[in-house]
Amino acid sequence: MLPTRILRAAHGVPKKNITGFNMRHLKEATGTPRYDPWERTEAWRYQGPFTRWNRFKNGFPGLGIATVAFAGYCGYEYFFLGDEHHHGEGHH
């Protein structure tokens, strides 16, 4: 290692960039824009029938009706249908 680099490193002086490019200035300049020209044209994707809740709700059509029907059938089977298969008796 060159003695000048050792001295610079010991004193905490960063190495000079010969191109003049500063990454910190670039990151500050390219932050989030204050105005998005496409914001108005993209807004429809998140409003009305395309909200997150509506997309989730419409993703499973018939799930509510099927759940109620299945629960009704399970209740009917439990209360009204008898168990014709007695487990203690022989079948042969």
Protein backbone atom coordinates (compact mmCIF):
# COMPACT_ATOMS: atom_id res chain seq x y z
CA MET A 1 0.00 0.00 0.00
CA LEU A 2 1.24 3.47 -0.78
CA PRO A 3 2.27 5.69 2.13
CA THR A 4 -0.15 8.42 1.03
CA ARG A 5 -3.08 6.02 1.23
CA ILE A 6 -2.01 4.90 4.67
CA LEU A 7 -1.79 8.50 5.86
CA ARG A 8 -5.18 9.39 4.34
CA ALA A 9 -6.79 6.33 5.94
CA ALA A 10 -5.27 7.20 9.31
CA HIS A 11 -6.66 10.73 9.22
CA GLY A 12 -10.10 9.69 7.95
CA VAL A 13 -9.82 11.67 4.71
CA PRO A 14 -11.82 9.92 1.98
CA LYS A 15 -10.22 9.25 -1.37
CA LYS A 16 -11.03 11.98 -3.89
CA ASN A 17 -13.19 10.80 -6.78
CA ILE A 18 -11.52 11.85 -10.02
CA THR A 19 -14.79 11.85 -11.98
CA GLY A 20 -16.48 14.33 -9.67
CA PHE A 21 -19.46 11.98 -9.29
CA ASN A 22 -20.99 12.05 -5.81
CA MET A 23 -23.35 9.20 -5.03
CA ARG A 24 -24.89 11.03 -2.05
CA HIS A 25 -25.96 13.95 -4.24
CA LEU A 26 -27.48 11.55 -6.78
CA LYS A 27 -29.54 9.75 -4.11
CA GLU A 28 -30.80 13.06 -2.72
CA ALA A 29 -31.76 14.29 -6.19
CA THR A 30 -33.53 11.09 -7.27
CA GLY A 31 -35.70 10.66 -4.18
CA THR A 32 -39.46 10.28 -4.30
CA PRO A 33 -40.89 12.79 -6.77
CA ARG A 34 -43.18 15.45 -5.33
CA TYR A 35 -45.52 15.16 -8.28
CA ASP A 36 -46.37 11.96 -10.10
CA PRO A 37 -47.82 12.69 -13.55
CA TRP A 38 -49.31 9.18 -13.77
CA GLU A 39 -51.03 9.29 -10.37
CA ARG A 40 -54.43 10.32 -11.73
CA THR A 41 -54.42 7.71 -14.50
CA GLU A 42 -53.41 4.93 -12.12
CA ALA A 43 -55.92 5.82 -9.39
CA TRP A 44 -58.72 3.69 -10.87
CA ARG A 45 -56.77 0.55 -9.97
CA TYR A 46 -57.38 1.16 -6.27
CA GLN A 47 -60.90 2.62 -6.20
CA GLY A 48 -64.45 1.33 -6.56
CA PRO A 49 -64.68 -2.34 -7.51
CA PHE A 50 -60.89 -2.67 -7.49
CA THR A 51 -60.29 -1.89 -3.81
CA ARG A 52 -58.36 -4.46 -1.83
CA TRP A 53 -61.50 -5.66 0.02
CA ASN A 54 -63.53 -6.05 -3.16
CA ARG A 55 -60.74 -7.96 -4.88
CA PHE A 56 -60.52 -10.33 -1.89
CA LYS A 57 -64.30 -10.70 -1.60
CA ASN A 58 -64.75 -11.42 -5.31
CA GLY A 59 -61.83 -13.85 -5.34
CA PHE A 60 -63.96 -16.59 -3.73
CA PRO A 61 -67.42 -16.44 -5.29
CA GLY A 62 -69.97 -18.67 -3.59
CA LEU A 63 -67.83 -19.39 -0.54
CA GLY A 64 -70.34 -17.84 1.87
CA ILE A 65 -73.33 -19.72 0.45
CA ALA A 66 -71.37 -22.97 0.35
CA THR A 67 -70.28 -22.58 3.98
CA VAL A 68 -73.85 -22.00 5.18
CA ALA A 69 -75.17 -24.92 3.11
CA PHE A 70 -72.47 -27.27 4.41
CA ALA A 71 -73.11 -26.24 8.02
CA GLY A 72 -76.86 -26.77 7.50
CA TYR A 73 -76.28 -30.24 6.07
CA CYS A 74 -73.96 -31.18 8.93
CA GLY A 75 -76.61 -30.04 11.43
CA TYR A 76 -79.35 -31.98 9.62
CA GLU A 77 -77.21 -35.12 9.51
CA TYR A 78 -76.34 -34.86 13.20
CA PHE A 79 -79.89 -34.28 14.48
CA PHE A 80 -82.17 -36.13 12.03
CA LEU A 81 -80.27 -39.00 10.45
CA GLY A 82 -79.72 -41.95 12.72
CA ASP A 83 -76.54 -43.97 12.80
CA GLU A 84 -77.65 -47.24 11.21
CA HIS A 85 -74.26 -48.79 11.61
CA HIS A 86 -73.94 -49.99 15.22
CA HIS A 87 -70.36 -50.59 16.09
CA GLY A 88 -70.81 -53.21 18.83
CA GLU A 89 -72.66 -55.87 16.86
CA GLY A 90 -71.36 -58.53 14.52
CA HIS A 91 -72.33 -58.32 10.85
CA HIS A 92 -71.71 -61.82 9.62
